[in-house]
Amino acid sequence: MSTNINRTSFASLLLLLSAVVALGSAYGSQYLGDLQPCKLCLYQRWPWWIAGGMAGLVFLFGGPRGAGRQTGETVRRHALILIAMALLAGCAIATYHTGVEQHWWEGPATCSGGFTLPKTLEELHTNVQRAVTVRCDEIPWSLWGISMAGYNAVASAVAGLFALNAGLRN
């Protein structure tokens, strides 16, 4: 194996471990810390699942074996760039959620915004059926003034830039 193959394998292993830590933190806070996620919190998990799955595949299989060293390395590098794109999209989602929490901009109507009193019993019934238990514009937990969405934005950006750097290196 050449140095580049070792480098991409190592990068994919670090990205896989990052995804395990990020998702483990999210699910741990949900099931052990009793912090129920809002809709935007759930959306933030998808990029980590995609990145972790792709990083695991790159680490385990590392591209086509019989196609030659150059082709295999190209496949690994392209996979790392796709992982970077997923994580940077996750950073955008987390940044958007952080802005909603900080009231810098309005969030989706389905999980944030003001409450209006219903005018009829039918409207009340409809509102109760569509009731959202966890609001996107409230911060259920923070450390040093930074919410979980804020930490996820930073982690996604760092991991995404790392994957992009690893994918673009020769």
N, C-alpha and C. Protein backbone atom coordinates (compact mmCIF):
# COMPACT_ATOMS: atom_id res chain seq x y z
N MET A 1 0.84 -1.19 0.00
CA MET A 1 0.00 0.00 0.00
C MET A 1 0.87 1.24 0.00
N SER A 2 0.45 2.22 -0.74
CA SER A 2 1.20 3.47 -0.79
C SER A 2 0.79 4.37 0.37
N THR A 3 1.53 5.46 0.52
CA THR A 3 1.25 6.42 1.59
C THR A 3 -0.13 7.04 1.41
N ASN A 4 -0.53 7.32 0.16
CA ASN A 4 -1.83 7.94 -0.10
C ASN A 4 -2.98 7.04 0.32
N ILE A 5 -2.84 5.74 0.07
CA ILE A 5 -3.90 4.81 0.48
C ILE A 5 -4.00 4.80 2.00
N ASN A 6 -2.86 4.77 2.67
CA ASN A 6 -2.89 4.81 4.14
C ASN A 6 -3.51 6.12 4.63
N ARG A 7 -3.20 7.20 3.94
CA ARG A 7 -3.72 8.51 4.34
C ARG A 7 -5.25 8.57 4.18
N THR A 8 -5.77 8.08 3.06
CA THR A 8 -7.22 8.11 2.86
C THR A 8 -7.93 7.13 3.79
N SER A 9 -7.31 5.99 4.04
CA SER A 9 -7.90 5.04 4.99
C SER A 9 -7.95 5.63 6.39
N PHE A 10 -6.86 6.29 6.78
CA PHE A 10 -6.82 6.92 8.10
C PHE A 10 -7.85 8.04 8.20
N ALA A 11 -7.96 8.84 7.14
CA ALA A 11 -8.95 9.92 7.13
C ALA A 11 -10.36 9.36 7.24
N SER A 12 -10.64 8.30 6.50
CA SER A 12 -11.99 7.72 6.56
C SER A 12 -12.27 7.13 7.94
N LEU A 13 -11.25 6.55 8.57
CA LEU A 13 -11.43 6.02 9.93
C LEU A 13 -11.74 7.15 10.92
N LEU A 14 -11.01 8.26 10.81
CA LEU A 14 -11.29 9.41 11.69
C LEU A 14 -12.70 9.96 11.47
N LEU A 15 -13.13 10.01 10.21
CA LEU A 15 -14.47 10.50 9.91
C LEU A 15 -15.53 9.53 10.42
N LEU A 16 -15.29 8.25 10.32
CA LEU A 16 -16.21 7.26 10.87
C LEU A 16 -16.32 7.43 12.38
N LEU A 17 -15.20 7.58 13.06
CA LEU A 17 -15.22 7.77 14.52
C LEU A 17 -15.92 9.08 14.90
N SER A 18 -15.72 10.12 14.09
CA SER A 18 -16.41 11.40 14.35
C SER A 18 -17.92 11.23 14.24
N ALA A 19 -18.36 10.48 13.24
CA ALA A 19 -19.80 10.24 13.07
C ALA A 19 -20.35 9.44 14.25
N VAL A 20 -19.60 8.46 14.71
CA VAL A 20 -20.04 7.66 15.86
C VAL A 20 -20.17 8.54 17.10
N VAL A 21 -19.21 9.43 17.31
CA VAL A 21 -19.26 10.33 18.48
C VAL A 21 -20.44 11.30 18.35
N ALA A 22 -20.61 11.90 17.16
CA ALA A 22 -21.70 12.87 16.96
C ALA A 22 -23.06 12.21 17.15
N LEU A 23 -23.26 11.08 16.51
CA LEU A 23 -24.55 10.39 16.62
C LEU A 23 -24.74 9.81 18.02
N GLY A 24 -23.66 9.32 18.61
CA GLY A 24 -23.74 8.81 19.99
C GLY A 24 -24.13 9.90 20.97
N SER A 25 -23.60 11.09 20.76
CA SER A 25 -23.97 12.23 21.62
C SER A 25 -25.43 12.60 21.44
N ALA A 26 -25.89 12.62 20.19
CA ALA A 26 -27.29 12.98 19.92
C ALA A 26 -28.24 11.95 20.52
N TYR A 27 -27.98 10.68 20.25
CA TYR A 27 -28.88 9.65 20.78
C TYR A 27 -28.72 9.48 22.28
N GLY A 28 -27.52 9.69 22.80
CA GLY A 28 -27.31 9.63 24.25
C GLY A 28 -28.08 10.71 24.97
N SER A 29 -28.05 11.95 24.43
CA SER A 29 -28.82 13.01 25.08
C SER A 29 -30.31 12.77 24.97
N GLN A 30 -30.73 12.11 23.90
CA GLN A 30 -32.15 11.82 23.75
C GLN A 30 -32.60 10.72 24.70
N TYR A 31 -31.90 9.60 24.70
CA TYR A 31 -32.38 8.44 25.45
C TYR A 31 -31.85 8.38 26.88
N LEU A 32 -30.67 8.92 27.13
CA LEU A 32 -30.14 8.91 28.50
C LEU A 32 -30.37 10.24 29.21
N GLY A 33 -30.30 11.34 28.47
CA GLY A 33 -30.48 12.66 29.06
C GLY A 33 -31.89 13.19 28.97
N ASP A 34 -32.78 12.45 28.33
CA ASP A 34 -34.19 12.81 28.18
C ASP A 34 -34.39 14.18 27.52
N LEU A 35 -33.52 14.52 26.55
CA LEU A 35 -33.68 15.74 25.75
C LEU A 35 -34.28 15.33 24.41
N GLN A 36 -35.56 15.56 24.27
CA GLN A 36 -36.24 15.15 23.04
C GLN A 36 -35.88 16.08 21.89
N PRO A 37 -35.56 15.53 20.73
CA PRO A 37 -35.15 16.36 19.59
C PRO A 37 -36.34 17.00 18.89
N CYS A 38 -36.10 18.18 18.35
CA CYS A 38 -37.09 18.81 17.50
C CYS A 38 -36.87 18.32 16.06
N LYS A 39 -37.69 18.82 15.15
CA LYS A 39 -37.58 18.40 13.75
C LYS A 39 -36.22 18.77 13.16
N LEU A 40 -35.72 19.96 13.45
CA LEU A 40 -34.42 20.37 12.92
C LEU A 40 -33.28 19.56 13.52
N CYS A 41 -33.43 19.15 14.78
CA CYS A 41 -32.42 18.29 15.40
C CYS A 41 -32.33 16.96 14.65
N LEU A 42 -33.49 16.43 14.30
CA LEU A 42 -33.51 15.16 13.57
C LEU A 42 -32.89 15.31 12.19
N TYR A 43 -33.13 16.43 11.53
CA TYR A 43 -32.54 16.67 10.21
C TYR A 43 -31.01 16.72 10.29
N GLN A 44 -30.48 17.21 11.41
CA GLN A 44 -29.03 17.32 11.56
C GLN A 44 -28.35 15.97 11.67
N ARG A 45 -29.07 14.93 11.98
CA ARG A 45 -28.47 13.60 12.12
C ARG A 45 -28.20 12.94 10.77
N TRP A 46 -29.00 13.28 9.76
CA TRP A 46 -28.86 12.62 8.45
C TRP A 46 -27.48 12.78 7.83
N PRO A 47 -26.89 13.97 7.80
CA PRO A 47 -25.55 14.09 7.22
C PRO A 47 -24.50 13.23 7.94
N TRP A 48 -24.65 13.11 9.26
CA TRP A 48 -23.70 12.27 10.00
C TRP A 48 -23.89 10.79 9.65
N TRP A 49 -25.13 10.36 9.47
CA TRP A 49 -25.37 8.98 9.05
C TRP A 49 -24.76 8.73 7.67
N ILE A 50 -24.96 9.66 6.75
CA ILE A 50 -24.42 9.52 5.40
C ILE A 50 -22.89 9.50 5.44
N ALA A 51 -22.30 10.45 6.16
CA ALA A 51 -20.84 10.53 6.24
C ALA A 51 -20.25 9.30 6.92
N GLY A 52 -20.88 8.87 8.00
CA GLY A 52 -20.38 7.68 8.71
C GLY A 52 -20.47 6.43 7.86
N GLY A 53 -21.58 6.27 7.16
CA GLY A 53 -21.74 5.10 6.29
C GLY A 53 -20.73 5.09 5.16
N MET A 54 -20.57 6.24 4.51
CA MET A 54 -19.60 6.31 3.41
C MET A 54 -18.17 6.13 3.92
N ALA A 55 -17.84 6.74 5.05
CA ALA A 55 -16.49 6.61 5.60
C ALA A 55 -16.21 5.16 5.98
N GLY A 56 -17.22 4.48 6.53
CA GLY A 56 -17.05 3.06 6.85
C GLY A 56 -16.80 2.22 5.61
N LEU A 57 -17.53 2.51 4.54
CA LEU A 57 -17.32 1.78 3.29
C LEU A 57 -15.93 2.05 2.71
N VAL A 58 -15.50 3.30 2.75
CA VAL A 58 -14.17 3.64 2.23
C VAL A 58 -13.11 2.94 3.08
N PHE A 59 -13.28 2.94 4.39
CA PHE A 59 -12.29 2.30 5.26
C PHE A 59 -12.26 0.79 5.05
N LEU A 60 -13.42 0.16 4.96
CA LEU A 60 -13.47 -1.30 4.82
C LEU A 60 -13.05 -1.79 3.44
N PHE A 61 -13.54 -1.11 2.41
CA PHE A 61 -13.32 -1.62 1.06
C PHE A 61 -12.31 -0.80 0.28
N GLY A 62 -12.28 0.49 0.51
CA GLY A 62 -11.27 1.34 -0.09
C GLY A 62 -11.25 1.42 -1.59
N GLY A 63 -12.36 1.18 -2.25
CA GLY A 63 -12.40 1.29 -3.70
C GLY A 63 -12.13 -0.03 -4.38
N PRO A 64 -12.24 -0.06 -5.68
CA PRO A 64 -12.07 -1.31 -6.41
C PRO A 64 -10.65 -1.82 -6.33
N ARG A 65 -10.49 -3.10 -6.01
CA ARG A 65 -9.17 -3.71 -5.85
C ARG A 65 -8.53 -4.04 -7.21
N GLY A 66 -9.31 -4.58 -8.10
CA GLY A 66 -8.75 -5.05 -9.36
C GLY A 66 -8.60 -3.96 -10.41
N ALA A 67 -9.07 -2.78 -10.14
CA ALA A 67 -9.07 -1.73 -11.15
C ALA A 67 -7.74 -0.98 -11.20
N GLY A 68 -6.84 -1.31 -10.34
CA GLY A 68 -5.56 -0.62 -10.34
C GLY A 68 -5.47 0.39 -9.21
N ARG A 69 -4.28 0.65 -8.82
CA ARG A 69 -4.02 1.54 -7.68
C ARG A 69 -4.54 2.95 -7.94
N GLN A 70 -4.30 3.48 -9.13
CA GLN A 70 -4.70 4.86 -9.45
C GLN A 70 -6.22 5.02 -9.40
N THR A 71 -6.96 4.08 -9.99
CA THR A 71 -8.42 4.14 -10.00
C THR A 71 -8.98 4.02 -8.59
N GLY A 72 -8.45 3.11 -7.80
CA GLY A 72 -8.90 2.94 -6.42
C GLY A 72 -8.69 4.18 -5.59
N GLU A 73 -7.55 4.82 -5.76
CA GLU A 73 -7.27 6.05 -5.02
C GLU A 73 -8.22 7.16 -5.45
N THR A 74 -8.53 7.24 -6.73
CA THR A 74 -9.47 8.24 -7.23
C THR A 74 -10.85 8.04 -6.63
N VAL A 75 -11.29 6.79 -6.53
CA VAL A 75 -12.59 6.48 -5.94
C VAL A 75 -12.61 6.91 -4.48
N ARG A 76 -11.54 6.60 -3.75
CA ARG A 76 -11.47 6.98 -2.33
C ARG A 76 -11.50 8.50 -2.17
N ARG A 77 -10.75 9.21 -3.00
CA ARG A 77 -10.72 10.66 -2.91
C ARG A 77 -12.07 11.26 -3.24
N HIS A 78 -12.74 10.74 -4.24
CA HIS A 78 -14.08 11.24 -4.58
C HIS A 78 -15.07 10.95 -3.46
N ALA A 79 -14.94 9.80 -2.83
CA ALA A 79 -15.82 9.47 -1.70
C ALA A 79 -15.60 10.45 -0.55
N LEU A 80 -14.34 10.81 -0.28
CA LEU A 80 -14.06 11.77 0.78
C LEU A 80 -14.65 13.14 0.45
N ILE A 81 -14.64 13.52 -0.81
CA ILE A 81 -15.24 14.80 -1.21
C ILE A 81 -16.76 14.75 -1.02
N LEU A 82 -17.38 13.61 -1.34
CA LEU A 82 -18.83 13.46 -1.10
C LEU A 82 -19.15 13.51 0.39
N ILE A 83 -18.30 12.90 1.20
CA ILE A 83 -18.47 12.96 2.66
C ILE A 83 -18.38 14.42 3.11
N ALA A 84 -17.42 15.15 2.57
CA ALA A 84 -17.27 16.57 2.92
C ALA A 84 -18.52 17.35 2.57
N MET A 85 -19.09 17.07 1.40
CA MET A 85 -20.31 17.77 0.99
C MET A 85 -21.46 17.48 1.94
N ALA A 86 -21.60 16.23 2.37
CA ALA A 86 -22.66 15.87 3.31
C ALA A 86 -22.47 16.59 4.64
N LEU A 87 -21.24 16.61 5.13
CA LEU A 87 -20.98 17.25 6.42
C LEU A 87 -21.13 18.77 6.35
N LEU A 88 -20.74 19.37 5.25
CA LEU A 88 -20.91 20.81 5.12
C LEU A 88 -22.39 21.17 4.97
N ALA A 89 -23.17 20.30 4.36
CA ALA A 89 -24.63 20.50 4.33
C ALA A 89 -25.18 20.38 5.75
N GLY A 90 -24.65 19.44 6.54
CA GLY A 90 -25.04 19.32 7.94
C GLY A 90 -24.68 20.56 8.74
N CYS A 91 -23.54 21.17 8.42
CA CYS A 91 -23.15 22.42 9.07
C CYS A 91 -24.16 23.52 8.75
N ALA A 92 -24.62 23.56 7.50
CA ALA A 92 -25.61 24.57 7.11
C ALA A 92 -26.93 24.37 7.86
N ILE A 93 -27.36 23.12 8.00
CA ILE A 93 -28.60 22.83 8.73
C ILE A 93 -28.44 23.23 10.20
N ALA A 94 -27.30 22.87 10.80
CA ALA A 94 -27.07 23.20 12.21
C ALA A 94 -26.95 24.71 12.42
N THR A 95 -26.33 25.40 11.48
CA THR A 95 -26.24 26.87 11.57
C THR A 95 -27.62 27.50 11.47
N TYR A 96 -28.42 27.00 10.55
CA TYR A 96 -29.80 27.48 10.43
C TYR A 96 -30.55 27.26 11.74
N HIS A 97 -30.41 26.07 12.33
CA HIS A 97 -31.10 25.76 13.59
C HIS A 97 -30.61 26.67 14.71
N THR A 98 -29.31 26.93 14.75
CA THR A 98 -28.77 27.84 15.76
C THR A 98 -29.38 29.23 15.61
N GLY A 99 -29.52 29.69 14.38
CA GLY A 99 -30.15 31.00 14.14
C GLY A 99 -31.60 31.03 14.57
N VAL A 100 -32.31 29.92 14.37
CA VAL A 100 -33.70 29.83 14.81
C VAL A 100 -33.75 29.88 16.34
N GLU A 101 -32.85 29.15 16.99
CA GLU A 101 -32.81 29.15 18.46
C GLU A 101 -32.49 30.53 19.02
N GLN A 102 -31.62 31.25 18.35
CA GLN A 102 -31.21 32.58 18.82
C GLN A 102 -32.17 33.67 18.37
N HIS A 103 -33.19 33.30 17.60
CA HIS A 103 -34.19 34.22 17.06
C HIS A 103 -33.57 35.24 16.11
N TRP A 104 -32.53 34.82 15.39
CA TRP A 104 -31.94 35.66 14.36
C TRP A 104 -32.84 35.65 13.13
N TRP A 105 -33.54 34.55 12.91
CA TRP A 105 -34.50 34.42 11.82
C TRP A 105 -35.57 33.44 12.25
N GLU A 106 -36.64 33.44 11.50
CA GLU A 106 -37.78 32.59 11.84
C GLU A 106 -37.54 31.17 11.36
N GLY A 107 -38.00 30.23 12.14
CA GLY A 107 -37.87 28.82 11.78
C GLY A 107 -39.10 28.31 11.07
N PRO A 108 -39.13 27.03 10.79
CA PRO A 108 -40.31 26.44 10.13
C PRO A 108 -41.56 26.62 10.99
N ALA A 109 -42.67 26.87 10.36
CA ALA A 109 -43.92 27.07 11.09
C ALA A 109 -44.34 25.82 11.84
N THR A 110 -43.88 24.66 11.40
CA THR A 110 -44.29 23.41 12.04
C THR A 110 -43.63 23.18 13.38
N CYS A 111 -42.54 23.90 13.68
CA CYS A 111 -41.91 23.66 14.98
C CYS A 111 -41.45 24.93 15.69
N SER A 112 -41.87 26.08 15.22
CA SER A 112 -41.52 27.32 15.92
C SER A 112 -42.55 28.39 15.59
N GLY A 113 -42.33 29.54 16.10
CA GLY A 113 -43.27 30.65 15.84
C GLY A 113 -44.22 30.84 17.00
N GLY A 114 -44.98 31.87 16.89
CA GLY A 114 -45.90 32.23 17.95
C GLY A 114 -47.17 31.38 17.96
N PHE A 115 -47.79 31.34 19.10
CA PHE A 115 -49.04 30.59 19.27
C PHE A 115 -50.20 31.57 19.16
N THR A 116 -51.20 31.19 18.36
CA THR A 116 -52.41 32.02 18.26
C THR A 116 -53.58 31.21 18.79
N LEU A 117 -54.47 31.90 19.47
CA LEU A 117 -55.64 31.22 20.03
C LEU A 117 -56.61 30.84 18.91
N PRO A 118 -57.15 29.62 18.98
CA PRO A 118 -58.12 29.21 17.96
C PRO A 118 -59.43 29.96 18.11
N LYS A 119 -60.11 30.16 16.99
CA LYS A 119 -61.37 30.89 17.00
C LYS A 119 -62.58 29.97 17.11
N THR A 120 -62.41 28.69 16.74
CA THR A 120 -63.51 27.73 16.81
C THR A 120 -63.03 26.45 17.46
N LEU A 121 -63.97 25.61 17.87
CA LEU A 121 -63.61 24.31 18.44
C LEU A 121 -62.94 23.42 17.39
N GLU A 122 -63.38 23.52 16.17
CA GLU A 122 -62.78 22.73 15.09
C GLU A 122 -61.31 23.13 14.88
N GLU A 123 -61.03 24.41 14.95
CA GLU A 123 -59.66 24.90 14.82
C GLU A 123 -58.81 24.43 16.00
N LEU A 124 -59.40 24.43 17.20
CA LEU A 124 -58.71 23.92 18.38
C LEU A 124 -58.38 22.44 18.19
N HIS A 125 -59.34 21.66 17.73
CA HIS A 125 -59.15 20.24 17.50
C HIS A 125 -58.03 20.00 16.48
N THR A 126 -58.03 20.77 15.42
CA THR A 126 -56.99 20.65 14.39
C THR A 126 -55.62 20.99 14.97
N ASN A 127 -55.55 22.05 15.77
CA ASN A 127 -54.28 22.45 16.38
C ASN A 127 -53.76 21.39 17.34
N VAL A 128 -54.64 20.76 18.10
CA VAL A 128 -54.22 19.72 19.04
C VAL A 128 -53.69 18.51 18.29
N GLN A 129 -54.30 18.16 17.18
CA GLN A 129 -53.85 17.02 16.40
C GLN A 129 -52.49 17.27 15.76
N ARG A 130 -52.21 18.52 15.42
CA ARG A 130 -50.93 18.87 14.81
C ARG A 130 -49.94 19.40 15.83
N ALA A 131 -50.22 19.24 17.10
CA ALA A 131 -49.37 19.83 18.14
C ALA A 131 -47.94 19.30 18.06
N VAL A 132 -46.99 20.21 18.21
CA VAL A 132 -45.59 19.86 18.23
C VAL A 132 -45.13 19.89 19.68
N THR A 133 -44.54 18.81 20.12
CA THR A 133 -44.14 18.75 21.52
C THR A 133 -42.80 19.44 21.77
N VAL A 134 -41.92 19.44 20.77
CA VAL A 134 -40.61 20.05 20.94
C VAL A 134 -40.46 21.18 19.93
N ARG A 135 -40.20 22.37 20.44
CA ARG A 135 -40.08 23.54 19.57
C ARG A 135 -38.63 23.70 19.09
N CYS A 136 -38.49 24.15 17.86
CA CYS A 136 -37.17 24.36 17.26
C CYS A 136 -36.52 25.66 17.72
N ASP A 137 -37.32 26.60 18.21
CA ASP A 137 -36.78 27.91 18.58
C ASP A 137 -36.50 28.04 20.07
N GLU A 138 -36.48 26.93 20.78
CA GLU A 138 -36.13 26.94 22.20
C GLU A 138 -34.88 26.09 22.42
N ILE A 139 -34.03 26.53 23.31
CA ILE A 139 -32.77 25.82 23.58
C ILE A 139 -32.97 24.97 24.83
N PRO A 140 -33.03 23.64 24.67
CA PRO A 140 -33.24 22.79 25.84
C PRO A 140 -31.98 22.57 26.67
N TRP A 141 -30.79 22.75 26.06
CA TRP A 141 -29.53 22.52 26.74
C TRP A 141 -28.45 23.37 26.09
N SER A 142 -27.58 23.93 26.92
CA SER A 142 -26.44 24.66 26.37
C SER A 142 -25.27 24.56 27.34
N LEU A 143 -24.09 24.75 26.81
CA LEU A 143 -22.88 24.77 27.62
C LEU A 143 -22.08 25.98 27.18
N TRP A 144 -21.79 26.88 28.11
CA TRP A 144 -21.09 28.14 27.83
C TRP A 144 -21.83 28.96 26.80
N GLY A 145 -23.15 28.91 26.83
CA GLY A 145 -23.98 29.70 25.94
C GLY A 145 -24.12 29.15 24.53
N ILE A 146 -23.59 27.96 24.29
CA ILE A 146 -23.67 27.35 22.96
C ILE A 146 -24.58 26.13 23.05
N SER A 147 -25.57 26.08 22.16
CA SER A 147 -26.52 24.96 22.17
C SER A 147 -25.92 23.75 21.46
N MET A 148 -26.63 22.64 21.53
CA MET A 148 -26.19 21.44 20.83
C MET A 148 -26.11 21.68 19.32
N ALA A 149 -27.05 22.47 18.78
CA ALA A 149 -27.01 22.79 17.36
C ALA A 149 -25.75 23.60 17.03
N GLY A 150 -25.35 24.48 17.91
CA GLY A 150 -24.14 25.26 17.71
C GLY A 150 -22.89 24.39 17.71
N TYR A 151 -22.83 23.46 18.67
CA TYR A 151 -21.69 22.53 18.70
C TYR A 151 -21.69 21.64 17.46
N ASN A 152 -22.88 21.22 17.01
CA ASN A 152 -22.96 20.40 15.81
C ASN A 152 -22.50 21.18 14.59
N ALA A 153 -22.82 22.46 14.51
CA ALA A 153 -22.38 23.28 13.38
C ALA A 153 -20.85 23.31 13.32
N VAL A 154 -20.22 23.50 14.47
CA VAL A 154 -18.76 23.54 14.52
C VAL A 154 -18.17 22.17 14.17
N ALA A 155 -18.70 21.11 14.78
CA ALA A 155 -18.18 19.76 14.52
C ALA A 155 -18.36 19.37 13.06
N SER A 156 -19.51 19.70 12.48
CA SER A 156 -19.76 19.38 11.08
C SER A 156 -18.82 20.15 10.17
N ALA A 157 -18.58 21.41 10.48
CA ALA A 157 -17.68 22.23 9.66
C ALA A 157 -16.25 21.69 9.73
N VAL A 158 -15.78 21.39 10.93
CA VAL A 158 -14.41 20.88 11.09
C VAL A 158 -14.25 19.55 10.37
N ALA A 159 -15.19 18.63 10.59
CA ALA A 159 -15.10 17.31 9.95
C ALA A 159 -15.26 17.44 8.44
N GLY A 160 -16.14 18.33 7.98
CA GLY A 160 -16.33 18.53 6.55
C GLY A 160 -15.10 19.10 5.88
N LEU A 161 -14.46 20.07 6.50
CA LEU A 161 -13.24 20.66 5.94
C LEU A 161 -12.09 19.65 5.97
N PHE A 162 -12.03 18.84 7.02
CA PHE A 162 -11.03 17.78 7.08
C PHE A 162 -11.23 16.79 5.94
N ALA A 163 -12.46 16.36 5.71
CA ALA A 163 -12.75 15.41 4.63
C ALA A 163 -12.44 16.04 3.27
N LEU A 164 -12.76 17.31 3.10
CA LEU A 164 -12.47 17.98 1.84
C LEU A 164 -10.97 18.06 1.60
N ASN A 165 -10.23 18.42 2.62
CA ASN A 165 -8.77 18.48 2.52
C ASN A 165 -8.20 17.10 2.18
N ALA A 166 -8.69 16.07 2.85
CA ALA A 166 -8.20 14.71 2.59
C ALA A 166 -8.56 14.27 1.18
N GLY A 167 -9.71 14.65 0.69
CA GLY A 167 -10.13 14.26 -0.64
C GLY A 167 -9.41 15.00 -1.75
N LEU A 168 -8.98 16.22 -1.49
CA LEU A 168 -8.32 17.02 -2.51
C LEU A 168 -6.80 16.83 -2.55
N ARG A 169 -6.25 16.22 -1.50
CA ARG A 169 -4.79 16.01 -1.46
C ARG A 169 -4.38 14.93 -2.45
N ASN A 170 -3.20 15.11 -3.00
CA ASN A 170 -2.65 14.08 -3.92
C ASN A 170 -1.85 13.07 -3.18
